[in-house]
Amino acid sequence: MDKQKKEATIKEFQRSATDVGSVEVQVALATARITELTAHLKLHKKDFSTRRGLVAVVNNRRTLLNYLQREDYDRYITLVRKLSLRR
């Protein structure tokens, strides 16, 4: 992910002007990373080290989403809809 895309993602999901590490920002960045890794794996099907990294990022995002769902359900629903993670 290039610097401009990362900054745009942070700006879109931050809760205040100085926020760069809230759960929403972390989940949004993880989602962008998952999208990039998935596209890479479609081209390179036998790249198992990248697949392992993808699984780690997916697990981390799931952990963050579980935490947000447990702590503030309204923020969780808003984030899931914004990122269109659930159908």
PDB file of N, CA and C in Angstrom:
ATOM      1  N   MET A   1       0.854  -1.162   0.000  1.00  0.00           N
ATOM      2  CA  MET A   1       0.000   0.000   0.000  1.00  0.00           C
ATOM      3  C   MET A   1       0.906   1.233   0.000  1.00  0.00           C
ATOM      4  N   ASP A   2       0.647   2.135  -0.919  1.00  0.00           N
ATOM      5  CA  ASP A   2       1.480   3.331  -0.964  1.00  0.00           C
ATOM      6  C   ASP A   2       1.041   4.335   0.104  1.00  0.00           C
ATOM      7  N   LYS A   3       1.874   5.316   0.330  1.00  0.00           N
ATOM      8  CA  LYS A   3       1.679   6.253   1.431  1.00  0.00           C
ATOM      9  C   LYS A   3       0.394   7.069   1.279  1.00  0.00           C
ATOM     10  N   GLN A   4       0.090   7.506   0.065  1.00  0.00           N
ATOM     11  CA  GLN A   4      -1.102   8.322  -0.152  1.00  0.00           C
ATOM     12  C   GLN A   4      -2.378   7.525   0.125  1.00  0.00           C
ATOM     13  N   LYS A   5      -2.410   6.271  -0.315  1.00  0.00           N
ATOM     14  CA  LYS A   5      -3.592   5.441  -0.084  1.00  0.00           C
ATOM     15  C   LYS A   5      -3.779   5.175   1.407  1.00  0.00           C
ATOM     16  N   LYS A   6      -2.677   4.946   2.100  1.00  0.00           N
ATOM     17  CA  LYS A   6      -2.746   4.697   3.540  1.00  0.00           C
ATOM     18  C   LYS A   6      -3.245   5.942   4.280  1.00  0.00           C
ATOM     19  N   GLU A   7      -2.724   7.107   3.924  1.00  0.00           N
ATOM     20  CA  GLU A   7      -3.168   8.352   4.554  1.00  0.00           C
ATOM     21  C   GLU A   7      -4.640   8.621   4.275  1.00  0.00           C
ATOM     22  N   ALA A   8      -5.097   8.333   3.059  1.00  0.00           N
ATOM     23  CA  ALA A   8      -6.502   8.542   2.711  1.00  0.00           C
ATOM     24  C   ALA A   8      -7.403   7.611   3.523  1.00  0.00           C
ATOM     25  N   THR A   9      -6.973   6.378   3.694  1.00  0.00           N
ATOM     26  CA  THR A   9      -7.744   5.424   4.491  1.00  0.00           C
ATOM     27  C   THR A   9      -7.814   5.869   5.944  1.00  0.00           C
ATOM     28  N   ILE A  10      -6.690   6.308   6.480  1.00  0.00           N
ATOM     29  CA  ILE A  10      -6.664   6.787   7.866  1.00  0.00           C
ATOM     30  C   ILE A  10      -7.575   7.993   8.012  1.00  0.00           C
ATOM     31  N   LYS A  11      -7.498   8.927   7.088  1.00  0.00           N
ATOM     32  CA  LYS A  11      -8.316  10.139   7.153  1.00  0.00           C
ATOM     33  C   LYS A  11      -9.805   9.819   7.091  1.00  0.00           C
ATOM     34  N   GLU A  12     -10.167   8.813   6.305  1.00  0.00           N
ATOM     35  CA  GLU A  12     -11.576   8.444   6.159  1.00  0.00           C
ATOM     36  C   GLU A  12     -12.142   7.804   7.422  1.00  0.00           C
ATOM     37  N   PHE A  13     -11.332   7.027   8.136  1.00  0.00           N
ATOM     38  CA  PHE A  13     -11.849   6.244   9.256  1.00  0.00           C
ATOM     39  C   PHE A  13     -11.453   6.770  10.632  1.00  0.00           C
ATOM     40  N   GLN A  14     -10.621   7.818  10.705  1.00  0.00           N
ATOM     41  CA  GLN A  14     -10.189   8.307  12.011  1.00  0.00           C
ATOM     42  C   GLN A  14     -11.344   8.969  12.753  1.00  0.00           C
ATOM     43  N   ARG A  15     -11.277   8.897  14.071  1.00  0.00           N
ATOM     44  CA  ARG A  15     -12.338   9.421  14.923  1.00  0.00           C
ATOM     45  C   ARG A  15     -12.078  10.869  15.317  1.00  0.00           C
ATOM     46  N   SER A  16     -10.802  11.293  15.299  1.00  0.00           N
ATOM     47  CA  SER A  16     -10.453  12.685  15.570  1.00  0.00           C
ATOM     48  C   SER A  16      -9.288  13.053  14.655  1.00  0.00           C
ATOM     49  N   ALA A  17      -8.866  14.295  14.712  1.00  0.00           N
ATOM     50  CA  ALA A  17      -7.833  14.774  13.798  1.00  0.00           C
ATOM     51  C   ALA A  17      -6.488  14.092  14.015  1.00  0.00           C
ATOM     52  N   THR A  18      -6.211  13.653  15.240  1.00  0.00           N
ATOM     53  CA  THR A  18      -4.912  13.045  15.531  1.00  0.00           C
ATOM     54  C   THR A  18      -4.981  11.527  15.658  1.00  0.00           C
ATOM     55  N   ASP A  19      -6.131  10.939  15.378  1.00  0.00           N
ATOM     56  CA  ASP A  19      -6.322   9.499  15.542  1.00  0.00           C
ATOM     57  C   ASP A  19      -5.682   8.730  14.393  1.00  0.00           C
ATOM     58  N   VAL A  20      -4.747   7.849  14.720  1.00  0.00           N
ATOM     59  CA  VAL A  20      -4.145   6.978  13.706  1.00  0.00           C
ATOM     60  C   VAL A  20      -4.141   5.517  14.150  1.00  0.00           C
ATOM     61  N   GLY A  21      -4.679   5.212  15.322  1.00  0.00           N
ATOM     62  CA  GLY A  21      -4.589   3.851  15.818  1.00  0.00           C
ATOM     63  C   GLY A  21      -5.859   3.294  16.410  1.00  0.00           C
ATOM     64  N   SER A  22      -7.005   3.928  16.171  1.00  0.00           N
ATOM     65  CA  SER A  22      -8.246   3.395  16.717  1.00  0.00           C
ATOM     66  C   SER A  22      -8.589   2.083  16.026  1.00  0.00           C
ATOM     67  N   VAL A  23      -9.514   1.364  16.591  1.00  0.00           N
ATOM     68  CA  VAL A  23      -9.907   0.071  16.042  1.00  0.00           C
ATOM     69  C   VAL A  23     -10.418   0.234  14.616  1.00  0.00           C
ATOM     70  N   GLU A  24     -11.184   1.288  14.360  1.00  0.00           N
ATOM     71  CA  GLU A  24     -11.723   1.507  13.025  1.00  0.00           C
ATOM     72  C   GLU A  24     -10.610   1.672  11.990  1.00  0.00           C
ATOM     73  N   VAL A  25      -9.598   2.446  12.337  1.00  0.00           N
ATOM     74  CA  VAL A  25      -8.473   2.671  11.422  1.00  0.00           C
ATOM     75  C   VAL A  25      -7.712   1.370  11.201  1.00  0.00           C
ATOM     76  N   GLN A  26      -7.463   0.623  12.266  1.00  0.00           N
ATOM     77  CA  GLN A  26      -6.729  -0.627  12.138  1.00  0.00           C
ATOM     78  C   GLN A  26      -7.476  -1.632  11.264  1.00  0.00           C
ATOM     79  N   VAL A  27      -8.791  -1.720  11.432  1.00  0.00           N
ATOM     80  CA  VAL A  27      -9.589  -2.645  10.624  1.00  0.00           C
ATOM     81  C   VAL A  27      -9.603  -2.201   9.170  1.00  0.00           C
ATOM     82  N   ALA A  28      -9.714  -0.905   8.930  1.00  0.00           N
ATOM     83  CA  ALA A  28      -9.728  -0.400   7.550  1.00  0.00           C
ATOM     84  C   ALA A  28      -8.395  -0.673   6.858  1.00  0.00           C
ATOM     85  N   LEU A  29      -7.297  -0.463   7.558  1.00  0.00           N
ATOM     86  CA  LEU A  29      -5.977  -0.739   6.977  1.00  0.00           C
ATOM     87  C   LEU A  29      -5.790  -2.241   6.734  1.00  0.00           C
ATOM     88  N   ALA A  30      -6.265  -3.056   7.652  1.00  0.00           N
ATOM     89  CA  ALA A  30      -6.169  -4.505   7.473  1.00  0.00           C
ATOM     90  C   ALA A  30      -6.998  -4.951   6.273  1.00  0.00           C
ATOM     91  N   THR A  31      -8.165  -4.352   6.096  1.00  0.00           N
ATOM     92  CA  THR A  31      -9.023  -4.691   4.962  1.00  0.00           C
ATOM     93  C   THR A  31      -8.347  -4.325   3.646  1.00  0.00           C
ATOM     94  N   ALA A  32      -7.706  -3.175   3.598  1.00  0.00           N
ATOM     95  CA  ALA A  32      -6.978  -2.775   2.387  1.00  0.00           C
ATOM     96  C   ALA A  32      -5.832  -3.739   2.114  1.00  0.00           C
ATOM     97  N   ARG A  33      -5.138  -4.144   3.149  1.00  0.00           N
ATOM     98  CA  ARG A  33      -4.024  -5.090   2.997  1.00  0.00           C
ATOM     99  C   ARG A  33      -4.531  -6.450   2.511  1.00  0.00           C
ATOM    100  N   ILE A  34      -5.663  -6.894   3.045  1.00  0.00           N
ATOM    101  CA  ILE A  34      -6.259  -8.163   2.635  1.00  0.00           C
ATOM    102  C   ILE A  34      -6.630  -8.116   1.156  1.00  0.00           C
ATOM    103  N   THR A  35      -7.164  -6.998   0.705  1.00  0.00           N
ATOM    104  CA  THR A  35      -7.523  -6.841  -0.702  1.00  0.00           C
ATOM    105  C   THR A  35      -6.286  -6.958  -1.589  1.00  0.00           C
ATOM    106  N   GLU A  36      -5.201  -6.301  -1.181  1.00  0.00           N
ATOM    107  CA  GLU A  36      -3.963  -6.357  -1.961  1.00  0.00           C
ATOM    108  C   GLU A  36      -3.379  -7.769  -1.993  1.00  0.00           C
ATOM    109  N   LEU A  37      -3.356  -8.433  -0.847  1.00  0.00           N
ATOM    110  CA  LEU A  37      -2.790  -9.780  -0.792  1.00  0.00           C
ATOM    111  C   LEU A  37      -3.638 -10.769  -1.587  1.00  0.00           C
ATOM    112  N   THR A  38      -4.942 -10.597  -1.560  1.00  0.00           N
ATOM    113  CA  THR A  38      -5.831 -11.473  -2.328  1.00  0.00           C
ATOM    114  C   THR A  38      -5.574 -11.322  -3.819  1.00  0.00           C
ATOM    115  N   ALA A  39      -5.412 -10.075  -4.270  1.00  0.00           N
ATOM    116  CA  ALA A  39      -5.111  -9.845  -5.683  1.00  0.00           C
ATOM    117  C   ALA A  39      -3.771 -10.469  -6.051  1.00  0.00           C
ATOM    118  N   HIS A  40      -2.785 -10.365  -5.180  1.00  0.00           N
ATOM    119  CA  HIS A  40      -1.473 -10.966  -5.428  1.00  0.00           C
ATOM    120  C   HIS A  40      -1.585 -12.488  -5.538  1.00  0.00           C
ATOM    121  N   LEU A  41      -2.368 -13.085  -4.647  1.00  0.00           N
ATOM    122  CA  LEU A  41      -2.476 -14.541  -4.636  1.00  0.00           C
ATOM    123  C   LEU A  41      -3.263 -15.076  -5.830  1.00  0.00           C
ATOM    124  N   LYS A  42      -4.099 -14.247  -6.443  1.00  0.00           N
ATOM    125  CA  LYS A  42      -4.794 -14.689  -7.652  1.00  0.00           C
ATOM    126  C   LYS A  42      -3.804 -14.868  -8.797  1.00  0.00           C
ATOM    127  N   LEU A  43      -2.741 -14.056  -8.799  1.00  0.00           N
ATOM    128  CA  LEU A  43      -1.710 -14.187  -9.828  1.00  0.00           C
ATOM    129  C   LEU A  43      -0.684 -15.263  -9.489  1.00  0.00           C
ATOM    130  N   HIS A  44      -0.358 -15.360  -8.214  1.00  0.00           N
ATOM    131  CA  HIS A  44       0.703 -16.266  -7.758  1.00  0.00           C
ATOM    132  C   HIS A  44       0.098 -17.306  -6.817  1.00  0.00           C
ATOM    133  N   LYS A  45      -0.509 -18.310  -7.391  1.00  0.00           N
ATOM    134  CA  LYS A  45      -1.273 -19.283  -6.608  1.00  0.00           C
ATOM    135  C   LYS A  45      -0.419 -20.115  -5.647  1.00  0.00           C
ATOM    136  N   LYS A  46       0.846 -20.283  -5.943  1.00  0.00           N
ATOM    137  CA  LYS A  46       1.693 -21.136  -5.109  1.00  0.00           C
ATOM    138  C   LYS A  46       2.563 -20.359  -4.121  1.00  0.00           C
ATOM    139  N   ASP A  47       2.247 -19.102  -3.914  1.00  0.00           N
ATOM    140  CA  ASP A  47       3.009 -18.264  -2.985  1.00  0.00           C
ATOM    141  C   ASP A  47       2.479 -18.500  -1.569  1.00  0.00           C
ATOM    142  N   PHE A  48       2.987 -19.536  -0.925  1.00  0.00           N
ATOM    143  CA  PHE A  48       2.442 -19.949   0.354  1.00  0.00           C
ATOM    144  C   PHE A  48       2.868 -19.047   1.506  1.00  0.00           C
ATOM    145  N   SER A  49       3.993 -18.369   1.387  1.00  0.00           N
ATOM    146  CA  SER A  49       4.395 -17.457   2.452  1.00  0.00           C
ATOM    147  C   SER A  49       3.466 -16.242   2.479  1.00  0.00           C
ATOM    148  N   THR A  50       3.040 -15.777   1.322  1.00  0.00           N
ATOM    149  CA  THR A  50       2.075 -14.679   1.285  1.00  0.00           C
ATOM    150  C   THR A  50       0.723 -15.145   1.802  1.00  0.00           C
ATOM    151  N   ARG A  51       0.354 -16.375   1.471  1.00  0.00           N
ATOM    152  CA  ARG A  51      -0.918 -16.924   1.963  1.00  0.00           C
ATOM    153  C   ARG A  51      -0.913 -16.982   3.491  1.00  0.00           C
ATOM    154  N   ARG A  52       0.225 -17.352   4.060  1.00  0.00           N
ATOM    155  CA  ARG A  52       0.344 -17.405   5.521  1.00  0.00           C
ATOM    156  C   ARG A  52       0.195 -16.000   6.104  1.00  0.00           C
ATOM    157  N   GLY A  53       0.801 -15.003   5.459  1.00  0.00           N
ATOM    158  CA  GLY A  53       0.654 -13.622   5.905  1.00  0.00           C
ATOM    159  C   GLY A  53      -0.776 -13.144   5.800  1.00  0.00           C
ATOM    160  N   LEU A  54      -1.462 -13.546   4.726  1.00  0.00           N
ATOM    161  CA  LEU A  54      -2.867 -13.178   4.554  1.00  0.00           C
ATOM    162  C   LEU A  54      -3.721 -13.744   5.676  1.00  0.00           C
ATOM    163  N   VAL A  55      -3.496 -14.980   6.024  1.00  0.00           N
ATOM    164  CA  VAL A  55      -4.256 -15.603   7.112  1.00  0.00           C
ATOM    165  C   VAL A  55      -4.010 -14.856   8.421  1.00  0.00           C
ATOM    166  N   ALA A  56      -2.782 -14.434   8.656  1.00  0.00           N
ATOM    167  CA  ALA A  56      -2.459 -13.689   9.876  1.00  0.00           C
ATOM    168  C   ALA A  56      -3.197 -12.351   9.911  1.00  0.00           C
ATOM    169  N   VAL A  57      -3.251 -11.645   8.781  1.00  0.00           N
ATOM    170  CA  VAL A  57      -3.942 -10.355   8.726  1.00  0.00           C
ATOM    171  C   VAL A  57      -5.443 -10.549   8.922  1.00  0.00           C
ATOM    172  N   VAL A  58      -5.999 -11.592   8.312  1.00  0.00           N
ATOM    173  CA  VAL A  58      -7.433 -11.878   8.464  1.00  0.00           C
ATOM    174  C   VAL A  58      -7.752 -12.191   9.922  1.00  0.00           C
ATOM    175  N   ASN A  59      -6.907 -12.989  10.568  1.00  0.00           N
ATOM    176  CA  ASN A  59      -7.131 -13.317  11.983  1.00  0.00           C
ATOM    177  C   ASN A  59      -7.040 -12.077  12.864  1.00  0.00           C
ATOM    178  N   ASN A  60      -6.087 -11.201  12.573  1.00  0.00           N
ATOM    179  CA  ASN A  60      -5.953  -9.968  13.349  1.00  0.00           C
ATOM    180  C   ASN A  60      -7.188  -9.086  13.176  1.00  0.00           C
ATOM    181  N   ARG A  61      -7.679  -8.973  11.942  1.00  0.00           N
ATOM    182  CA  ARG A  61      -8.885  -8.165  11.699  1.00  0.00           C
ATOM    183  C   ARG A  61     -10.078  -8.754  12.425  1.00  0.00           C
ATOM    184  N   ARG A  62     -10.202 -10.082  12.420  1.00  0.00           N
ATOM    185  CA  ARG A  62     -11.317 -10.737  13.108  1.00  0.00           C
ATOM    186  C   ARG A  62     -11.259 -10.447  14.608  1.00  0.00           C
ATOM    187  N   THR A  63     -10.057 -10.488  15.188  1.00  0.00           N
ATOM    188  CA  THR A  63      -9.883 -10.188  16.610  1.00  0.00           C
ATOM    189  C   THR A  63     -10.315  -8.758  16.923  1.00  0.00           C
ATOM    190  N   LEU A  64      -9.900  -7.809  16.074  1.00  0.00           N
ATOM    191  CA  LEU A  64     -10.276  -6.414  16.278  1.00  0.00           C
ATOM    192  C   LEU A  64     -11.783  -6.224  16.137  1.00  0.00           C
ATOM    193  N   LEU A  65     -12.390  -6.889  15.159  1.00  0.00           N
ATOM    194  CA  LEU A  65     -13.844  -6.774  14.982  1.00  0.00           C
ATOM    195  C   LEU A  65     -14.602  -7.386  16.154  1.00  0.00           C
ATOM    196  N   ASN A  66     -14.112  -8.504  16.676  1.00  0.00           N
ATOM    197  CA  ASN A  66     -14.745  -9.101  17.857  1.00  0.00           C
ATOM    198  C   ASN A  66     -14.677  -8.154  19.044  1.00  0.00           C
ATOM    199  N   TYR A  67     -13.531  -7.518  19.228  1.00  0.00           N
ATOM    200  CA  TYR A  67     -13.371  -6.556  20.314  1.00  0.00           C
ATOM    201  C   TYR A  67     -14.350  -5.397  20.156  1.00  0.00           C
ATOM    202  N   LEU A  68     -14.432  -4.839  18.952  1.00  0.00           N
ATOM    203  CA  LEU A  68     -15.318  -3.706  18.725  1.00  0.00           C
ATOM    204  C   LEU A  68     -16.772  -4.103  18.908  1.00  0.00           C
ATOM    205  N   GLN A  69     -17.141  -5.286  18.462  1.00  0.00           N
ATOM    206  CA  GLN A  69     -18.513  -5.755  18.628  1.00  0.00           C
ATOM    207  C   GLN A  69     -18.859  -5.898  20.107  1.00  0.00           C
ATOM    208  N   ARG A  70     -17.918  -6.370  20.877  1.00  0.00           N
ATOM    209  CA  ARG A  70     -18.133  -6.559  22.311  1.00  0.00           C
ATOM    210  C   ARG A  70     -18.216  -5.226  23.059  1.00  0.00           C
ATOM    211  N   GLU A  71     -17.377  -4.255  22.670  1.00  0.00           N
ATOM    212  CA  GLU A  71     -17.273  -3.006  23.416  1.00  0.00           C
ATOM    213  C   GLU A  71     -18.279  -1.941  22.973  1.00  0.00           C
ATOM    214  N   ASP A  72     -18.502  -1.798  21.681  1.00  0.00           N
ATOM    215  CA  ASP A  72     -19.400  -0.756  21.176  1.00  0.00           C
ATOM    216  C   ASP A  72     -20.062  -1.252  19.898  1.00  0.00           C
ATOM    217  N   TYR A  73     -21.234  -1.855  20.052  1.00  0.00           N
ATOM    218  CA  TYR A  73     -21.906  -2.519  18.943  1.00  0.00           C
ATOM    219  C   TYR A  73     -22.301  -1.554  17.828  1.00  0.00           C
ATOM    220  N   ASP A  74     -22.685  -0.337  18.185  1.00  0.00           N
ATOM    221  CA  ASP A  74     -23.076   0.642  17.165  1.00  0.00           C
ATOM    222  C   ASP A  74     -21.895   1.007  16.261  1.00  0.00           C
ATOM    223  N   ARG A  75     -20.732   1.224  16.837  1.00  0.00           N
ATOM    224  CA  ARG A  75     -19.526   1.500  16.035  1.00  0.00           C
ATOM    225  C   ARG A  75     -19.180   0.310  15.154  1.00  0.00           C
ATOM    226  N   TYR A  76     -19.365  -0.899  15.691  1.00  0.00           N
ATOM    227  CA  TYR A  76     -19.102  -2.121  14.926  1.00  0.00           C
ATOM    228  C   TYR A  76     -20.001  -2.186  13.692  1.00  0.00           C
ATOM    229  N   ILE A  77     -21.293  -1.968  13.879  1.00  0.00           N
ATOM    230  CA  ILE A  77     -22.242  -2.025  12.760  1.00  0.00           C
ATOM    231  C   ILE A  77     -21.903  -0.962  11.724  1.00  0.00           C
ATOM    232  N   THR A  78     -21.590   0.247  12.178  1.00  0.00           N
ATOM    233  CA  THR A  78     -21.235   1.334  11.260  1.00  0.00           C
ATOM    234  C   THR A  78     -20.004   0.964  10.442  1.00  0.00           C
ATOM    235  N   LEU A  79     -18.992   0.422  11.085  1.00  0.00           N
ATOM    236  CA  LEU A  79     -17.753   0.059  10.397  1.00  0.00           C
ATOM    237  C   LEU A  79     -17.972  -1.072   9.402  1.00  0.00           C
ATOM    238  N   VAL A  80     -18.713  -2.085   9.799  1.00  0.00           N
ATOM    239  CA  VAL A  80     -18.963  -3.226   8.917  1.00  0.00           C
ATOM    240  C   VAL A  80     -19.718  -2.767   7.666  1.00  0.00           C
ATOM    241  N   ARG A  81     -20.680  -1.892   7.851  1.00  0.00           N
ATOM    242  CA  ARG A  81     -21.428  -1.377   6.681  1.00  0.00           C
ATOM    243  C   ARG A  81     -20.565  -0.504   5.803  1.00  0.00           C
ATOM    244  N   LYS A  82     -19.724   0.327   6.416  1.00  0.00           N
ATOM    245  CA  LYS A  82     -18.862   1.223   5.654  1.00  0.00           C
ATOM    246  C   LYS A  82     -17.853   0.447   4.805  1.00  0.00           C
ATOM    247  N   LEU A  83     -17.334  -0.653   5.363  1.00  0.00           N
ATOM    248  CA  LEU A  83     -16.371  -1.477   4.653  1.00  0.00           C
ATOM    249  C   LEU A  83     -17.039  -2.584   3.839  1.00  0.00           C
ATOM    250  N   SER A  84     -18.360  -2.708   3.978  1.00  0.00           N
ATOM    251  CA  SER A  84     -19.166  -3.765   3.325  1.00  0.00           C
ATOM    252  C   SER A  84     -18.533  -5.142   3.524  1.00  0.00           C
ATOM    253  N   LEU A  85     -18.306  -5.491   4.788  1.00  0.00           N
ATOM    254  CA  LEU A  85     -17.714  -6.781   5.126  1.00  0.00           C
ATOM    255  C   LEU A  85     -18.760  -7.888   5.214  1.00  0.00           C
ATOM    256  N   ARG A  86     -19.969  -7.566   5.584  1.00  0.00           N
ATOM    257  CA  ARG A  86     -21.048  -8.562   5.687  1.00  0.00           C
ATOM    258  C   ARG A  86     -22.028  -8.331   4.554  1.00  0.00           C
ATOM    259  N   ARG A  87     -22.590  -9.394   4.073  1.00  0.00           N
ATOM    260  CA  ARG A  87     -23.579  -9.289   2.990  1.00  0.00           C
ATOM    261  C   ARG A  87     -24.969  -9.289   3.558  1.00  0.00           C
TER     262      ARG A  87
END
